[in-house]
């Protein structure tokens, strides 16, 4: 009888502790949902304001830090990286994509993480050598990906002035 009481007590403690985790997880998801409604609920807004965007990134980060093994954590980090990129927080975006690549080997958007890192390095940071290497890594790892043509074009046109690109395009299309 006493053994049954001990088992019941242990199970009760586990249940109560588990409910606390679920409650905290629900609060975190509610915070994310509320912030996403602020950002994505306005159909006229294309980029969130700095404050709201940073709050959203923090909410995603807090969730991923608290529940790193949860499958949604990688998606939240990816969304955080996209927002960071749109807020010109280039270094932060690259760090988030790196975190996904290192921590979530089965995440289905891994190719996009590499491609977007290259894009940021090229277009926001003007670090052409690093961008070229990242695009090449993307091409080598995912040769059949839909963005391979874009990666090759980026390598080919990297650093060229817009006027030169327009001239090349006009010459190519006037033939």
C-alpha atoms as a PDB file:
ATOM      1  CA  UNK A   1       0.000   0.000   0.000  1.00  0.00           C
ATOM      2  CA  UNK A   2       2.780   2.410   0.920  1.00  0.00           C
ATOM      3  CA  UNK A   3       4.562   1.570  -2.364  1.00  0.00           C
ATOM      4  CA  UNK A   4       1.401   2.508  -4.296  1.00  0.00           C
ATOM      5  CA  UNK A   5       1.278   5.877  -2.524  1.00  0.00           C
ATOM      6  CA  UNK A   6       4.898   6.584  -3.443  1.00  0.00           C
ATOM      7  CA  UNK A   7       4.231   5.712  -7.093  1.00  0.00           C
ATOM      8  CA  UNK A   8       1.110   7.886  -7.071  1.00  0.00           C
ATOM      9  CA  UNK A   9       3.084  10.760  -5.547  1.00  0.00           C
ATOM     10  CA  UNK A  10       5.892  10.440  -8.125  1.00  0.00           C
ATOM     11  CA  UNK A  11       3.391  10.310 -10.998  1.00  0.00           C
ATOM     12  CA  UNK A  12       1.588  13.366  -9.622  1.00  0.00           C
ATOM     13  CA  UNK A  13       4.832  15.355  -9.442  1.00  0.00           C
ATOM     14  CA  UNK A  14       5.706  14.361 -13.032  1.00  0.00           C
ATOM     15  CA  UNK A  15       2.236  15.311 -14.227  1.00  0.00           C
ATOM     16  CA  UNK A  16       2.327  18.694 -12.480  1.00  0.00           C
ATOM     17  CA  UNK A  17       5.814  19.440 -13.804  1.00  0.00           C
ATOM     18  CA  UNK A  18       4.741  18.425 -17.300  1.00  0.00           C
ATOM     19  CA  UNK A  19       1.726  20.714 -17.167  1.00  0.00           C
ATOM     20  CA  UNK A  20       3.980  23.606 -16.207  1.00  0.00           C
ATOM     21  CA  UNK A  21       6.149  23.008 -19.275  1.00  0.00           C
ATOM     22  CA  UNK A  22       3.099  22.790 -21.519  1.00  0.00           C
ATOM     23  CA  UNK A  23       1.749  25.975 -19.981  1.00  0.00           C
ATOM     24  CA  UNK A  24       5.022  27.810 -20.647  1.00  0.00           C
ATOM     25  CA  UNK A  25       5.160  26.410 -24.166  1.00  0.00           C
ATOM     26  CA  UNK A  26       1.591  27.570 -24.792  1.00  0.00           C
ATOM     27  CA  UNK A  27       2.456  31.059 -23.524  1.00  0.00           C
ATOM     28  CA  UNK A  28       5.449  31.193 -25.861  1.00  0.00           C
ATOM     29  CA  UNK A  29       3.355  30.108 -28.840  1.00  0.00           C
ATOM     30  CA  UNK A  30       0.649  32.630 -27.904  1.00  0.00           C
ATOM     31  CA  UNK A  31       3.302  35.386 -27.820  1.00  0.00           C
ATOM     32  CA  UNK A  32       4.559  34.325 -31.239  1.00  0.00           C
ATOM     33  CA  UNK A  33       1.035  34.171 -32.647  1.00  0.00           C
ATOM     34  CA  UNK A  34       0.244  37.656 -31.329  1.00  0.00           C
ATOM     35  CA  UNK A  35       3.444  39.106 -32.790  1.00  0.00           C
ATOM     36  CA  UNK A  36       2.887  37.362 -36.116  1.00  0.00           C
ATOM     37  CA  UNK A  37      -0.617  38.842 -36.247  1.00  0.00           C
ATOM     38  CA  UNK A  38       0.921  42.300 -35.781  1.00  0.00           C
ATOM     39  CA  UNK A  39       3.427  41.749 -38.560  1.00  0.00           C
ATOM     40  CA  UNK A  40       1.564  39.590 -41.046  1.00  0.00           C
ATOM     41  CA  UNK A  41      -1.991  40.648 -40.250  1.00  0.00           C
ATOM     42  CA  UNK A  42      -1.527  44.006 -41.979  1.00  0.00           C
ATOM     43  CA  UNK A  43      -1.703  43.233 -45.690  1.00  0.00           C
ATOM     44  CA  UNK A  44      -0.229  46.642 -46.573  1.00  0.00           C
ATOM     45  CA  UNK A  45       2.945  46.161 -44.527  1.00  0.00           C
ATOM     46  CA  UNK A  46       5.825  44.494 -46.349  1.00  0.00           C
ATOM     47  CA  UNK A  47       8.496  44.862 -43.677  1.00  0.00           C
ATOM     48  CA  UNK A  48       7.780  45.153 -39.952  1.00  0.00           C
ATOM     49  CA  UNK A  49       8.939  48.188 -38.080  1.00  0.00           C
ATOM     50  CA  UNK A  50      12.227  47.691 -36.267  1.00  0.00           C
ATOM     51  CA  UNK A  51      10.725  47.341 -32.780  1.00  0.00           C
ATOM     52  CA  UNK A  52       8.039  44.832 -33.760  1.00  0.00           C
ATOM     53  CA  UNK A  53      10.467  42.875 -35.916  1.00  0.00           C
ATOM     54  CA  UNK A  54      13.017  42.603 -33.123  1.00  0.00           C
ATOM     55  CA  UNK A  55      10.285  41.513 -30.686  1.00  0.00           C
ATOM     56  CA  UNK A  56       9.279  38.806 -33.135  1.00  0.00           C
ATOM     57  CA  UNK A  57      12.855  37.630 -33.568  1.00  0.00           C
ATOM     58  CA  UNK A  58      13.250  37.511 -29.784  1.00  0.00           C
ATOM     59  CA  UNK A  59      10.048  35.479 -29.403  1.00  0.00           C
ATOM     60  CA  UNK A  60      11.269  32.965 -31.992  1.00  0.00           C
ATOM     61  CA  UNK A  61      14.684  32.788 -30.320  1.00  0.00           C
ATOM     62  CA  UNK A  62      13.232  32.338 -26.841  1.00  0.00           C
ATOM     63  CA  UNK A  63      11.105  29.443 -28.081  1.00  0.00           C
ATOM     64  CA  UNK A  64      14.003  27.746 -29.877  1.00  0.00           C
ATOM     65  CA  UNK A  65      16.235  28.164 -26.821  1.00  0.00           C
ATOM     66  CA  UNK A  66      13.611  26.740 -24.467  1.00  0.00           C
ATOM     67  CA  UNK A  67      12.546  23.830 -26.726  1.00  0.00           C
ATOM     68  CA  UNK A  68      15.436  23.168 -29.123  1.00  0.00           C
ATOM     69  CA  UNK A  69      14.293  19.635 -29.930  1.00  0.00           C
ATOM     70  CA  UNK A  70      10.793  20.725 -30.907  1.00  0.00           C
ATOM     71  CA  UNK A  71      10.418  20.405 -34.675  1.00  0.00           C
ATOM     72  CA  UNK A  72       8.900  23.887 -34.943  1.00  0.00           C
ATOM     73  CA  UNK A  73      12.043  25.492 -33.470  1.00  0.00           C
ATOM     74  CA  UNK A  74      13.911  25.286 -36.789  1.00  0.00           C
ATOM     75  CA  UNK A  75      10.990  26.935 -38.580  1.00  0.00           C
ATOM     76  CA  UNK A  76      10.868  29.693 -35.969  1.00  0.00           C
ATOM     77  CA  UNK A  77      14.598  30.342 -36.378  1.00  0.00           C
ATOM     78  CA  UNK A  78      14.133  30.438 -40.156  1.00  0.00           C
ATOM     79  CA  UNK A  79      11.357  33.011 -39.802  1.00  0.00           C
ATOM     80  CA  UNK A  80      13.551  35.010 -37.425  1.00  0.00           C
ATOM     81  CA  UNK A  81      16.364  34.987 -39.985  1.00  0.00           C
ATOM     82  CA  UNK A  82      14.005  36.226 -42.703  1.00  0.00           C
ATOM     83  CA  UNK A  83      12.828  39.093 -40.531  1.00  0.00           C
ATOM     84  CA  UNK A  84      16.424  39.935 -39.570  1.00  0.00           C
ATOM     85  CA  UNK A  85      17.376  39.988 -43.253  1.00  0.00           C
ATOM     86  CA  UNK A  86      14.474  42.332 -44.046  1.00  0.00           C
ATOM     87  CA  UNK A  87      15.484  44.630 -41.184  1.00  0.00           C
ATOM     88  CA  UNK A  88      19.065  44.787 -42.519  1.00  0.00           C
ATOM     89  CA  UNK A  89      20.317  42.800 -39.550  1.00  0.00           C
ATOM     90  CA  UNK A  90      22.562  40.823 -41.897  1.00  0.00           C
ATOM     91  CA  UNK A  91      24.920  39.331 -39.326  1.00  0.00           C
ATOM     92  CA  UNK A  92      22.020  38.171 -37.196  1.00  0.00           C
ATOM     93  CA  UNK A  93      20.311  36.543 -40.175  1.00  0.00           C
ATOM     94  CA  UNK A  94      23.472  34.683 -41.140  1.00  0.00           C
ATOM     95  CA  UNK A  95      23.911  33.487 -37.536  1.00  0.00           C
ATOM     96  CA  UNK A  96      20.345  32.159 -37.448  1.00  0.00           C
ATOM     97  CA  UNK A  97      20.818  30.309 -40.754  1.00  0.00           C
ATOM     98  CA  UNK A  98      24.082  28.853 -39.367  1.00  0.00           C
ATOM     99  CA  UNK A  99      22.317  27.743 -36.203  1.00  0.00           C
ATOM    100  CA  UNK A 100      19.704  25.922 -38.281  1.00  0.00           C
ATOM    101  CA  UNK A 101      22.386  24.258 -40.416  1.00  0.00           C
ATOM    102  CA  UNK A 102      24.306  23.112 -37.345  1.00  0.00           C
ATOM    103  CA  UNK A 103      21.378  22.063 -35.157  1.00  0.00           C
ATOM    104  CA  UNK A 104      18.666  20.778 -37.501  1.00  0.00           C
ATOM    105  CA  UNK A 105      20.135  18.334 -40.046  1.00  0.00           C
ATOM    106  CA  UNK A 106      16.710  17.141 -41.215  1.00  0.00           C
ATOM    107  CA  UNK A 107      15.121  20.583 -41.675  1.00  0.00           C
ATOM    108  CA  UNK A 108      13.630  20.783 -45.152  1.00  0.00           C
ATOM    109  CA  UNK A 109      14.706  24.395 -45.765  1.00  0.00           C
ATOM    110  CA  UNK A 110      18.444  23.792 -45.343  1.00  0.00           C
ATOM    111  CA  UNK A 111      19.147  24.584 -49.018  1.00  0.00           C
ATOM    112  CA  UNK A 112      17.434  27.946 -48.606  1.00  0.00           C
ATOM    113  CA  UNK A 113      19.568  28.676 -45.535  1.00  0.00           C
ATOM    114  CA  UNK A 114      22.758  28.363 -47.591  1.00  0.00           C
ATOM    115  CA  UNK A 115      21.345  30.254 -50.579  1.00  0.00           C
ATOM    116  CA  UNK A 116      20.050  33.100 -48.418  1.00  0.00           C
ATOM    117  CA  UNK A 117      23.371  33.365 -46.599  1.00  0.00           C
ATOM    118  CA  UNK A 118      25.055  33.820 -49.977  1.00  0.00           C
ATOM    119  CA  UNK A 119      22.413  36.356 -51.001  1.00  0.00           C
ATOM    120  CA  UNK A 120      22.968  38.390 -47.826  1.00  0.00           C
ATOM    121  CA  UNK A 121      26.746  38.249 -48.181  1.00  0.00           C
ATOM    122  CA  UNK A 122      26.461  39.449 -51.767  1.00  0.00           C
ATOM    123  CA  UNK A 123      23.690  42.028 -51.630  1.00  0.00           C
ATOM    124  CA  UNK A 124      23.706  43.388 -48.094  1.00  0.00           C
ATOM    125  CA  UNK A 125      27.288  42.973 -46.986  1.00  0.00           C
ATOM    126  CA  UNK A 126      29.177  43.190 -50.329  1.00  0.00           C
ATOM    127  CA  UNK A 127      31.397  40.301 -49.259  1.00  0.00           C
ATOM    128  CA  UNK A 128      31.714  38.834 -52.728  1.00  0.00           C
ATOM    129  CA  UNK A 129      34.360  36.180 -52.070  1.00  0.00           C
ATOM    130  CA  UNK A 130      32.359  34.692 -49.198  1.00  0.00           C
ATOM    131  CA  UNK A 131      29.128  34.983 -51.174  1.00  0.00           C
ATOM    132  CA  UNK A 132      30.684  33.229 -54.181  1.00  0.00           C
ATOM    133  CA  UNK A 133      31.921  30.397 -51.944  1.00  0.00           C
ATOM    134  CA  UNK A 134      28.504  30.017 -50.323  1.00  0.00           C
ATOM    135  CA  UNK A 135      26.704  29.991 -53.686  1.00  0.00           C
ATOM    136  CA  UNK A 136      29.154  27.353 -54.914  1.00  0.00           C
ATOM    137  CA  UNK A 137      28.552  25.269 -51.790  1.00  0.00           C
ATOM    138  CA  UNK A 138      24.815  25.515 -52.482  1.00  0.00           C
ATOM    139  CA  UNK A 139      25.297  24.411 -56.112  1.00  0.00           C
ATOM    140  CA  UNK A 140      27.549  21.513 -55.087  1.00  0.00           C
ATOM    141  CA  UNK A 141      25.244  20.251 -52.320  1.00  0.00           C
ATOM    142  CA  UNK A 142      21.933  20.757 -54.133  1.00  0.00           C
ATOM    143  CA  UNK A 143      22.647  20.529 -57.891  1.00  0.00           C
ATOM    144  CA  UNK A 144      19.001  19.832 -58.742  1.00  0.00           C
ATOM    145  CA  UNK A 145      17.506  22.605 -56.604  1.00  0.00           C
ATOM    146  CA  UNK A 146      15.236  25.141 -58.268  1.00  0.00           C
ATOM    147  CA  UNK A 147      17.539  28.019 -57.221  1.00  0.00           C
ATOM    148  CA  UNK A 148      20.731  26.631 -58.807  1.00  0.00           C
ATOM    149  CA  UNK A 149      20.238  28.765 -61.932  1.00  0.00           C
ATOM    150  CA  UNK A 150      19.870  31.834 -59.718  1.00  0.00           C
ATOM    151  CA  UNK A 151      23.012  30.934 -57.786  1.00  0.00           C
ATOM    152  CA  UNK A 152      24.994  30.532 -61.019  1.00  0.00           C
ATOM    153  CA  UNK A 153      23.658  33.846 -62.340  1.00  0.00           C
ATOM    154  CA  UNK A 154      24.589  35.545 -59.075  1.00  0.00           C
ATOM    155  CA  UNK A 155      28.141  34.221 -59.302  1.00  0.00           C
ATOM    156  CA  UNK A 156      28.403  35.324 -62.929  1.00  0.00           C
ATOM    157  CA  UNK A 157      27.039  38.822 -62.312  1.00  0.00           C
ATOM    158  CA  UNK A 158      28.395  39.483 -58.847  1.00  0.00           C
ATOM    159  CA  UNK A 159      29.813  42.956 -58.330  1.00  0.00           C
ATOM    160  CA  UNK A 160      28.869  44.225 -61.785  1.00  0.00           C
ATOM    161  CA  UNK A 161      27.259  47.654 -61.930  1.00  0.00           C
ATOM    162  CA  UNK A 162      23.527  47.681 -62.695  1.00  0.00           C
ATOM    163  CA  UNK A 163      24.159  49.580 -65.943  1.00  0.00           C
ATOM    164  CA  UNK A 164      26.385  46.789 -67.227  1.00  0.00           C
ATOM    165  CA  UNK A 165      23.789  44.158 -66.301  1.00  0.00           C
ATOM    166  CA  UNK A 166      21.059  46.086 -68.134  1.00  0.00           C
ATOM    167  CA  UNK A 167      23.279  46.437 -71.198  1.00  0.00           C
ATOM    168  CA  UNK A 168      24.032  42.688 -71.176  1.00  0.00           C
ATOM    169  CA  UNK A 169      20.370  41.871 -70.798  1.00  0.00           C
ATOM    170  CA  UNK A 170      19.391  44.209 -73.659  1.00  0.00           C
ATOM    171  CA  UNK A 171      22.083  42.718 -75.925  1.00  0.00           C
ATOM    172  CA  UNK A 172      20.992  39.191 -75.086  1.00  0.00           C
ATOM    173  CA  UNK A 173      17.305  39.914 -75.734  1.00  0.00           C
ATOM    174  CA  UNK A 174      17.805  41.944 -78.924  1.00  0.00           C
ATOM    175  CA  UNK A 175      19.292  39.004 -80.823  1.00  0.00           C
END
